PDB file of N, CA and C in Angstrom:
ATOM      1  N   MET A   1      -6.746   3.501 -25.130  1.00  0.00           N
ATOM      2  CA  MET A   1      -7.999   4.343 -24.601  1.00  0.00           C
ATOM      3  C   MET A   1      -7.949   5.302 -23.937  1.00  0.00           C
ATOM      4  N   LYS A   2      -8.328   6.475 -24.140  1.00  0.00           N
ATOM      5  CA  LYS A   2      -8.330   7.747 -23.250  1.00  0.00           C
ATOM      6  C   LYS A   2      -9.495   7.874 -22.187  1.00  0.00           C
ATOM      7  N   THR A   3      -9.265   8.139 -21.057  1.00  0.00           N
ATOM      8  CA  THR A   3     -10.371   8.304 -19.839  1.00  0.00           C
ATOM      9  C   THR A   3      -9.606   9.912 -18.996  1.00  0.00           C
ATOM     10  N   LYS A   4     -10.803  10.095 -18.618  1.00  0.00           N
ATOM     11  CA  LYS A   4     -10.568  10.677 -17.690  1.00  0.00           C
ATOM     12  C   LYS A   4     -10.956  10.791 -16.449  1.00  0.00           C
ATOM     13  N   ILE A   5     -10.042  11.378 -15.611  1.00  0.00           N
ATOM     14  CA  ILE A   5      -9.627  10.900 -13.746  1.00  0.00           C
ATOM     15  C   ILE A   5     -10.243  12.381 -12.896  1.00  0.00           C
ATOM     16  N   ILE A   6     -10.161  12.448 -12.192  1.00  0.00           N
ATOM     17  CA  ILE A   6     -10.005  13.355 -11.179  1.00  0.00           C
ATOM     18  C   ILE A   6      -8.795  13.317 -10.386  1.00  0.00           C
ATOM     19  N   ALA A   7      -7.615  14.872 -10.402  1.00  0.00           N
ATOM     20  CA  ALA A   7      -6.254  14.371 -10.082  1.00  0.00           C
ATOM     21  C   ALA A   7      -6.358  15.286  -8.852  1.00  0.00           C
ATOM     22  N   HIS A   8      -5.568  15.037  -7.427  1.00  0.00           N
ATOM     23  CA  HIS A   8      -6.131  15.962  -6.532  1.00  0.00           C
ATOM     24  C   HIS A   8      -4.418  16.100  -6.526  1.00  0.00           C
ATOM     25  N   ILE A   9      -4.120  17.651  -6.508  1.00  0.00           N
ATOM     26  CA  ILE A   9      -2.712  17.895  -7.040  1.00  0.00           C
ATOM     27  C   ILE A   9      -2.522  18.742  -5.504  1.00  0.00           C
ATOM     28  N   HIS A  10      -0.587  18.409  -5.091  1.00  0.00           N
ATOM     29  CA  HIS A  10      -0.439  18.537  -3.839  1.00  0.00           C
ATOM     30  C   HIS A  10       1.432  19.085  -3.883  1.00  0.00           C
ATOM     31  N   TYR A  11       1.437  20.160  -3.105  1.00  0.00           N
ATOM     32  CA  TYR A  11       2.862  20.613  -3.686  1.00  0.00           C
ATOM     33  C   TYR A  11       3.658  19.903  -1.882  1.00  0.00           C
ATOM     34  N   SER A  12       4.626  18.965  -1.853  1.00  0.00           N
ATOM     35  CA  SER A  12       5.248  18.233  -0.947  1.00  0.00           C
ATOM     36  C   SER A  12       6.590  19.001  -1.040  1.00  0.00           C
ATOM     37  N   LYS A  13       7.185  19.602  -0.218  1.00  0.00           N
ATOM     38  CA  LYS A  13       8.393  19.924   0.760  1.00  0.00           C
ATOM     39  C   LYS A  13       9.146  19.202   1.508  1.00  0.00           C
ATOM     40  N   TRP A  14      10.251  18.068   1.699  1.00  0.00           N
ATOM     41  CA  TRP A  14      10.503  17.829   3.008  1.00  0.00           C
ATOM     42  C   TRP A  14      11.844  18.740   3.578  1.00  0.00           C
ATOM     43  N   HIS A  15      12.113  18.443   4.585  1.00  0.00           N
ATOM     44  CA  HIS A  15      12.870  19.976   5.586  1.00  0.00           C
ATOM     45  C   HIS A  15      14.282  19.887   4.708  1.00  0.00           C
ATOM     46  N   TRP A  16      14.680  18.575   4.393  1.00  0.00           N
ATOM     47  CA  TRP A  16      16.093  17.914   3.765  1.00  0.00           C
ATOM     48  C   TRP A  16      15.934  18.268   1.901  1.00  0.00           C
ATOM     49  N   GLU A  17      15.241  18.862   1.669  1.00  0.00           N
ATOM     50  CA  GLU A  17      15.360  19.015   0.327  1.00  0.00           C
ATOM     51  C   GLU A  17      15.282  20.498  -0.038  1.00  0.00           C
ATOM     52  N   ASP A  18      16.342  20.627  -0.970  1.00  0.00           N
ATOM     53  CA  ASP A  18      16.139  22.256  -1.505  1.00  0.00           C
ATOM     54  C   ASP A  18      14.754  22.463  -2.297  1.00  0.00           C
ATOM     55  N   LYS A  19      14.144  21.742  -2.742  1.00  0.00           N
ATOM     56  CA  LYS A  19      13.334  22.373  -4.102  1.00  0.00           C
ATOM     57  C   LYS A  19      12.235  21.155  -3.535  1.00  0.00           C
ATOM     58  N   GLY A  20      10.845  21.830  -3.525  1.00  0.00           N
ATOM     59  CA  GLY A  20       9.805  20.584  -3.250  1.00  0.00           C
ATOM     60  C   GLY A  20       9.382  20.363  -4.638  1.00  0.00           C
ATOM     61  N   GLU A  21       8.380  19.474  -4.821  1.00  0.00           N
ATOM     62  CA  GLU A  21       7.762  19.012  -5.940  1.00  0.00           C
ATOM     63  C   GLU A  21       6.117  19.171  -6.083  1.00  0.00           C
ATOM     64  N   TYR A  22       5.372  18.843  -7.015  1.00  0.00           N
ATOM     65  CA  TYR A  22       4.303  18.722  -7.419  1.00  0.00           C
ATOM     66  C   TYR A  22       3.714  17.105  -7.631  1.00  0.00           C
ATOM     67  N   GLN A  23       2.830  16.761  -6.361  1.00  0.00           N
ATOM     68  CA  GLN A  23       2.070  15.356  -6.873  1.00  0.00           C
ATOM     69  C   GLN A  23       1.328  15.058  -7.022  1.00  0.00           C
ATOM     70  N   ILE A  24       0.442  14.234  -7.551  1.00  0.00           N
ATOM     71  CA  ILE A  24      -1.111  13.877  -7.976  1.00  0.00           C
ATOM     72  C   ILE A  24      -1.115  12.586  -7.416  1.00  0.00           C
ATOM     73  N   PHE A  25      -2.340  13.012  -6.697  1.00  0.00           N
ATOM     74  CA  PHE A  25      -2.831  11.614  -5.162  1.00  0.00           C
ATOM     75  C   PHE A  25      -4.291  11.581  -5.871  1.00  0.00           C
ATOM     76  N   PRO A  26      -5.034  10.259  -5.749  1.00  0.00           N
ATOM     77  CA  PRO A  26      -6.261   9.926  -6.401  1.00  0.00           C
ATOM     78  C   PRO A  26      -7.496  11.354  -5.270  1.00  0.00           C
ATOM     79  N   CYS A  27      -6.789  11.465  -4.357  1.00  0.00           N
ATOM     80  CA  CYS A  27      -8.250  12.037  -3.258  1.00  0.00           C
ATOM     81  C   CYS A  27      -7.485  13.126  -2.587  1.00  0.00           C
ATOM     82  N   LYS A  28      -8.511  14.121  -2.161  1.00  0.00           N
ATOM     83  CA  LYS A  28      -7.010  15.149  -1.238  1.00  0.00           C
ATOM     84  C   LYS A  28      -6.910  14.490  -0.126  1.00  0.00           C
ATOM     85  N   LEU A  29      -5.310  15.049   0.266  1.00  0.00           N
ATOM     86  CA  LEU A  29      -4.795  14.676   1.742  1.00  0.00           C
ATOM     87  C   LEU A  29      -4.756  15.760   2.749  1.00  0.00           C
ATOM     88  N   GLU A  30      -4.654  15.695   3.921  1.00  0.00           N
ATOM     89  CA  GLU A  30      -4.690  16.810   4.680  1.00  0.00           C
ATOM     90  C   GLU A  30      -3.231  17.453   4.875  1.00  0.00           C
ATOM     91  N   ASP A  31      -3.353  18.540   4.580  1.00  0.00           N
ATOM     92  CA  ASP A  31      -2.298  19.387   4.727  1.00  0.00           C
ATOM     93  C   ASP A  31      -1.540  19.116   6.015  1.00  0.00           C
ATOM     94  N   ASP A  32      -0.077  19.413   5.901  1.00  0.00           N
ATOM     95  CA  ASP A  32       0.675  18.803   7.292  1.00  0.00           C
ATOM     96  C   ASP A  32       1.878  19.904   7.011  1.00  0.00           C
ATOM     97  N   LYS A  33       2.692  19.739   7.589  1.00  0.00           N
ATOM     98  CA  LYS A  33       4.045  20.484   7.613  1.00  0.00           C
ATOM     99  C   LYS A  33       4.817  20.130   5.756  1.00  0.00           C
ATOM    100  N   GLN A  34       5.008  19.432   5.532  1.00  0.00           N
ATOM    101  CA  GLN A  34       5.555  18.829   4.254  1.00  0.00           C
ATOM    102  C   GLN A  34       4.876  19.130   3.377  1.00  0.00           C
ATOM    103  N   ARG A  35       3.353  19.079   3.411  1.00  0.00           N
ATOM    104  CA  ARG A  35       2.587  19.080   2.442  1.00  0.00           C
ATOM    105  C   ARG A  35       1.288  19.698   2.298  1.00  0.00           C
ATOM    106  N   CYS A  36       1.024  20.414   1.373  1.00  0.00           N
ATOM    107  CA  CYS A  36      -0.204  21.613   1.159  1.00  0.00           C
ATOM    108  C   CYS A  36      -1.177  21.008   0.009  1.00  0.00           C
ATOM    109  N   TYR A  37      -2.549  21.091  -0.007  1.00  0.00           N
ATOM    110  CA  TYR A  37      -3.183  20.969  -1.432  1.00  0.00           C
ATOM    111  C   TYR A  37      -3.421  22.144  -2.043  1.00  0.00           C
ATOM    112  N   VAL A  38      -3.284  21.802  -3.329  1.00  0.00           N
ATOM    113  CA  VAL A  38      -3.019  23.049  -4.006  1.00  0.00           C
ATOM    114  C   VAL A  38      -4.498  23.156  -5.041  1.00  0.00           C
ATOM    115  N   GLY A  39      -4.730  21.995  -5.298  1.00  0.00           N
ATOM    116  CA  GLY A  39      -6.540  21.977  -6.067  1.00  0.00           C
ATOM    117  C   GLY A  39      -6.740  20.549  -6.312  1.00  0.00           C
ATOM    118  N   GLN A  40      -8.154  20.454  -7.535  1.00  0.00           N
ATOM    119  CA  GLN A  40      -8.157  19.559  -8.546  1.00  0.00           C
ATOM    120  C   GLN A  40      -8.350  19.866  -9.679  1.00  0.00           C
ATOM    121  N   GLN A  41      -7.663  18.849 -10.639  1.00  0.00           N
ATOM    122  CA  GLN A  41      -7.937  19.155 -12.115  1.00  0.00           C
ATOM    123  C   GLN A  41      -8.660  17.954 -12.867  1.00  0.00           C
ATOM    124  N   GLU A  42      -9.088  17.951 -13.678  1.00  0.00           N
ATOM    125  CA  GLU A  42      -9.582  16.640 -13.976  1.00  0.00           C
ATOM    126  C   GLU A  42      -9.023  16.493 -15.790  1.00  0.00           C
ATOM    127  N   ILE A  43      -8.170  15.328 -15.664  1.00  0.00           N
ATOM    128  CA  ILE A  43      -7.074  15.521 -16.754  1.00  0.00           C
ATOM    129  C   ILE A  43      -7.762  14.209 -17.440  1.00  0.00           C
ATOM    130  N   GLU A  44      -7.182  14.054 -18.314  1.00  0.00           N
ATOM    131  CA  GLU A  44      -7.601  13.036 -19.280  1.00  0.00           C
ATOM    132  C   GLU A  44      -5.825  11.961 -19.646  1.00  0.00           C
ATOM    133  N   ILE A  45      -5.995  10.707 -19.327  1.00  0.00           N
ATOM    134  CA  ILE A  45      -5.021  10.078 -19.752  1.00  0.00           C
ATOM    135  C   ILE A  45      -5.278   8.956 -20.757  1.00  0.00           C
ATOM    136  N   ASP A  46      -3.836   8.531 -20.726  1.00  0.00           N
ATOM    137  CA  ASP A  46      -3.625   7.566 -22.152  1.00  0.00           C
ATOM    138  C   ASP A  46      -3.599   6.238 -21.696  1.00  0.00           C
ATOM    139  N   VAL A  47      -4.766   5.255 -21.403  1.00  0.00           N
ATOM    140  CA  VAL A  47      -3.870   4.162 -20.761  1.00  0.00           C
ATOM    141  C   VAL A  47      -3.577   2.732 -22.280  1.00  0.00           C
ATOM    142  N   PRO A  48      -2.939   1.954 -22.162  1.00  0.00           N
ATOM    143  CA  PRO A  48      -2.538   1.146 -23.575  1.00  0.00           C
ATOM    144  C   PRO A  48      -4.057   0.327 -23.136  1.00  0.00           C
ATOM    145  N   HIS A  49      -4.330   0.229 -24.318  1.00  0.00           N
ATOM    146  CA  HIS A  49      -5.616  -0.961 -24.925  1.00  0.00           C
ATOM    147  C   HIS A  49      -5.474  -2.372 -24.178  1.00  0.00           C
ATOM    148  N   TYR A  50      -3.952  -2.797 -24.138  1.00  0.00           N
ATOM    149  CA  TYR A  50      -3.783  -3.766 -24.247  1.00  0.00           C
ATOM    150  C   TYR A  50      -3.505  -3.758 -22.536  1.00  0.00           C
ATOM    151  N   PHE A  51      -4.079  -3.057 -21.584  1.00  0.00           N
ATOM    152  CA  PHE A  51      -3.798  -2.896 -20.231  1.00  0.00           C
ATOM    153  C   PHE A  51      -4.437  -4.047 -19.748  1.00  0.00           C
ATOM    154  N   ASP A  52      -4.179  -5.095 -18.781  1.00  0.00           N
ATOM    155  CA  ASP A  52      -4.767  -5.732 -18.028  1.00  0.00           C
ATOM    156  C   ASP A  52      -4.506  -5.620 -16.644  1.00  0.00           C
ATOM    157  N   HIS A  53      -5.682  -5.795 -16.021  1.00  0.00           N
ATOM    158  CA  HIS A  53      -4.926  -5.332 -13.934  1.00  0.00           C
ATOM    159  C   HIS A  53      -5.172  -6.737 -13.556  1.00  0.00           C
ATOM    160  N   ARG A  54      -5.559  -7.650 -13.796  1.00  0.00           N
ATOM    161  CA  ARG A  54      -5.811  -8.885 -12.973  1.00  0.00           C
ATOM    162  C   ARG A  54      -4.428  -9.915 -12.773  1.00  0.00           C
ATOM    163  N   PRO A  55      -3.380  -9.519 -13.976  1.00  0.00           N
ATOM    164  CA  PRO A  55      -2.624 -10.662 -13.382  1.00  0.00           C
ATOM    165  C   PRO A  55      -1.602  -9.629 -12.263  1.00  0.00           C
ATOM    166  N   GLN A  56      -1.882  -8.051 -12.259  1.00  0.00           N
ATOM    167  CA  GLN A  56      -1.098  -7.687 -11.019  1.00  0.00           C
ATOM    168  C   GLN A  56      -1.734  -7.610  -9.729  1.00  0.00           C
ATOM    169  N   GLN A  57      -3.284  -7.853  -9.854  1.00  0.00           N
ATOM    170  CA  GLN A  57      -3.996  -7.976  -8.699  1.00  0.00           C
ATOM    171  C   GLN A  57      -4.104  -9.390  -8.207  1.00  0.00           C
ATOM    172  N   ILE A  58      -3.593 -10.292  -9.537  1.00  0.00           N
ATOM    173  CA  ILE A  58      -3.639 -11.823  -8.463  1.00  0.00           C
ATOM    174  C   ILE A  58      -2.259 -11.837  -8.153  1.00  0.00           C
ATOM    175  N   ALA A  59      -1.448 -11.387  -8.392  1.00  0.00           N
ATOM    176  CA  ALA A  59       0.368 -11.504  -8.200  1.00  0.00           C
ATOM    177  C   ALA A  59       0.097 -10.875  -6.290  1.00  0.00           C
ATOM    178  N   ALA A  60      -0.777 -10.229  -6.133  1.00  0.00           N
ATOM    179  CA  ALA A  60      -0.835  -9.015  -4.675  1.00  0.00           C
ATOM    180  C   ALA A  60      -1.407  -9.782  -4.116  1.00  0.00           C
ATOM    181  N   LEU A  61      -2.405 -10.507  -4.441  1.00  0.00           N
ATOM    182  CA  LEU A  61      -3.399 -11.329  -3.609  1.00  0.00           C
ATOM    183  C   LEU A  61      -2.786 -12.594  -3.376  1.00  0.00           C
ATOM    184  N   GLU A  62      -1.623 -13.355  -4.345  1.00  0.00           N
ATOM    185  CA  GLU A  62      -1.121 -13.865  -3.880  1.00  0.00           C
ATOM    186  C   GLU A  62       0.286 -14.112  -2.680  1.00  0.00           C
ATOM    187  N   LYS A  63       0.633 -12.692  -2.919  1.00  0.00           N
ATOM    188  CA  LYS A  63       1.719 -12.266  -1.736  1.00  0.00           C
ATOM    189  C   LYS A  63       0.845 -12.155  -0.333  1.00  0.00           C
ATOM    190  N   GLU A  64       0.209 -11.989  -0.514  1.00  0.00           N
ATOM    191  CA  GLU A  64      -1.128 -12.114   1.060  1.00  0.00           C
ATOM    192  C   GLU A  64      -1.193 -12.756   1.417  1.00  0.00           C
ATOM    193  N   LYS A  65      -1.964 -13.703   0.853  1.00  0.00           N
ATOM    194  CA  LYS A  65      -1.636 -15.260   1.020  1.00  0.00           C
ATOM    195  C   LYS A  65      -0.925 -15.702   1.570  1.00  0.00           C
ATOM    196  N   GLN A  66       0.373 -16.083   0.753  1.00  0.00           N
ATOM    197  CA  GLN A  66       1.658 -16.355   1.551  1.00  0.00           C
ATOM    198  C   GLN A  66       2.184 -15.582   2.679  1.00  0.00           C
ATOM    199  N   LYS A  67       1.486 -14.404   2.879  1.00  0.00           N
ATOM    200  CA  LYS A  67       2.085 -13.911   4.298  1.00  0.00           C
ATOM    201  C   LYS A  67       1.316 -14.488   5.515  1.00  0.00           C
ATOM    202  N   ILE A  68      -0.279 -14.615   5.009  1.00  0.00           N
ATOM    203  CA  ILE A  68      -0.774 -15.031   5.992  1.00  0.00           C
ATOM    204  C   ILE A  68      -0.746 -16.546   6.418  1.00  0.00           C
ATOM    205  N   MET A  69      -0.321 -17.499   5.614  1.00  0.00           N
ATOM    206  CA  MET A  69      -0.189 -18.493   5.116  1.00  0.00           C
ATOM    207  C   MET A  69       1.357 -18.473   6.375  1.00  0.00           C
ATOM    208  N   ALA A  70       1.791 -17.920   6.637  1.00  0.00           N
ATOM    209  CA  ALA A  70       3.328 -17.915   7.514  1.00  0.00           C
ATOM    210  C   ALA A  70       3.199 -17.291   8.302  1.00  0.00           C
ATOM    211  N   ASP A  71       2.050 -16.511   8.791  1.00  0.00           N
ATOM    212  CA  ASP A  71       2.294 -15.902  10.005  1.00  0.00           C
ATOM    213  C   ASP A  71       1.074 -16.992  10.780  1.00  0.00           C
ATOM    214  N   TYR A  72       0.226 -17.354  10.040  1.00  0.00           N
ATOM    215  CA  TYR A  72      -0.506 -18.765  10.827  1.00  0.00           C
ATOM    216  C   TYR A  72       0.423 -19.968  10.640  1.00  0.00           C
ATOM    217  N   GLN A  73       1.133 -20.025  10.293  1.00  0.00           N
ATOM    218  CA  GLN A  73       2.431 -21.263  10.237  1.00  0.00           C
ATOM    219  C   GLN A  73       3.174 -20.904  11.780  1.00  0.00           C
ATOM    220  N   LYS A  74       3.310 -19.578  11.365  1.00  0.00           N
ATOM    221  CA  LYS A  74       4.370 -19.194  12.848  1.00  0.00           C
ATOM    222  C   LYS A  74       3.522 -19.730  14.431  1.00  0.00           C
ATOM    223  N   THR A  75       2.171 -19.126  14.471  1.00  0.00           N
ATOM    224  CA  THR A  75       1.128 -19.401  15.328  1.00  0.00           C
ATOM    225  C   THR A  75       1.139 -20.371  15.600  1.00  0.00           C
ATOM    226  N   VAL A  76       1.080 -21.069  15.136  1.00  0.00           N
ATOM    227  CA  VAL A  76       0.832 -22.800  15.143  1.00  0.00           C
ATOM    228  C   VAL A  76       1.923 -23.248  15.944  1.00  0.00           C
ATOM    229  N   THR A  77       3.016 -23.075  15.501  1.00  0.00           N
ATOM    230  CA  THR A  77       4.420 -23.182  15.707  1.00  0.00           C
ATOM    231  C   THR A  77       4.347 -22.963  17.610  1.00  0.00           C
ATOM    232  N   ASP A  78       4.393 -21.472  17.736  1.00  0.00           N
ATOM    233  CA  ASP A  78       4.498 -21.180  18.930  1.00  0.00           C
ATOM    234  C   ASP A  78       3.646 -21.697  20.266  1.00  0.00           C
ATOM    235  N   ILE A  79       2.081 -22.090  19.731  1.00  0.00           N
ATOM    236  CA  ILE A  79       0.997 -22.567  20.500  1.00  0.00           C
ATOM    237  C   ILE A  79       1.951 -23.990  20.437  1.00  0.00           C
ATOM    238  N   ASN A  80       2.277 -24.423  19.734  1.00  0.00           N
ATOM    239  CA  ASN A  80       2.826 -26.440  19.569  1.00  0.00           C
ATOM    240  C   ASN A  80       3.994 -26.220  20.642  1.00  0.00           C
ATOM    241  N   ASP A  81       4.751 -25.483  20.327  1.00  0.00           N
ATOM    242  CA  ASP A  81       5.767 -25.289  21.214  1.00  0.00           C
ATOM    243  C   ASP A  81       5.406 -24.376  23.125  1.00  0.00           C
ATOM    244  N   ARG A  82       4.469 -23.923  23.275  1.00  0.00           N
ATOM    245  CA  ARG A  82       3.842 -23.682  24.540  1.00  0.00           C
ATOM    246  C   ARG A  82       3.281 -24.960  25.263  1.00  0.00           C
ATOM    247  N   ILE A  83       2.283 -25.700  24.359  1.00  0.00           N
ATOM    248  CA  ILE A  83       2.027 -27.114  24.727  1.00  0.00           C
ATOM    249  C   ILE A  83       3.155 -28.153  25.247  1.00  0.00           C
ATOM    250  N   ASN A  84       4.147 -28.280  24.151  1.00  0.00           N
ATOM    251  CA  ASN A  84       5.071 -29.127  24.383  1.00  0.00           C
ATOM    252  C   ASN A  84       6.126 -28.411  25.734  1.00  0.00           C
ATOM    253  N   ASN A  85       6.232 -27.309  25.917  1.00  0.00           N
ATOM    254  CA  ASN A  85       6.510 -26.505  27.483  1.00  0.00           C
ATOM    255  C   ASN A  85       5.643 -27.206  28.804  1.00  0.00           C
ATOM    256  N   LEU A  86       4.262 -27.048  28.299  1.00  0.00           N
ATOM    257  CA  LEU A  86       3.740 -27.433  29.754  1.00  0.00           C
ATOM    258  C   LEU A  86       3.906 -29.004  30.044  1.00  0.00           C
ATOM    259  N   LYS A  87       4.192 -29.892  28.994  1.00  0.00           N
ATOM    260  CA  LYS A  87       3.693 -31.155  28.895  1.00  0.00           C
ATOM    261  C   LYS A  87       5.010 -31.644  29.113  1.00  0.00           C
ATOM    262  N   ALA A  88       6.613 -30.895  29.088  1.00  0.00           N
ATOM    263  CA  ALA A  88       7.407 -31.386  29.946  1.00  0.00           C
ATOM    264  C   ALA A  88       7.601 -30.582  31.251  1.00  0.00           C
ATOM    265  N   ILE A  89       6.887 -30.078  31.755  1.00  0.00           N
ATOM    266  CA  ILE A  89       7.120 -29.813  33.249  1.00  0.00           C
ATOM    267  C   ILE A  89       6.417 -30.811  34.020  1.00  0.00           C
ATOM    268  N   THR A  90       7.408 -31.107  34.956  1.00  0.00           N
ATOM    269  CA  THR A  90       7.122 -32.554  35.853  1.00  0.00           C
ATOM    270  C   THR A  90       6.371 -30.930  37.120  1.00  0.00           C
ATOM    271  N   VAL A  91       5.790 -32.184  37.886  1.00  0.00           N
ATOM    272  CA  VAL A  91       4.821 -31.511  38.927  1.00  0.00           C
ATOM    273  C   VAL A  91       5.664 -32.361  40.034  1.00  0.00           C
TER     274      VAL A  91
END
């Protein structure tokens, strides 16, 4: 499937590199000491007809869910430790 997109072209060169490179981004980025904006261009790309974005998005959401659950569990454990420490203090 052919589709057209707007490509924002930047030139980037880091201080340790001998030669810079052109990069494409979906939006215009601010110029800084290692990157400058070249311009935009409409380009046509060929996306395979069988491409389905859903499995990748589901995997990313599952990964995010696991991180949130792990963070939650750590917070609950920390709170329980504080409660137990307070209960252990004798007055």
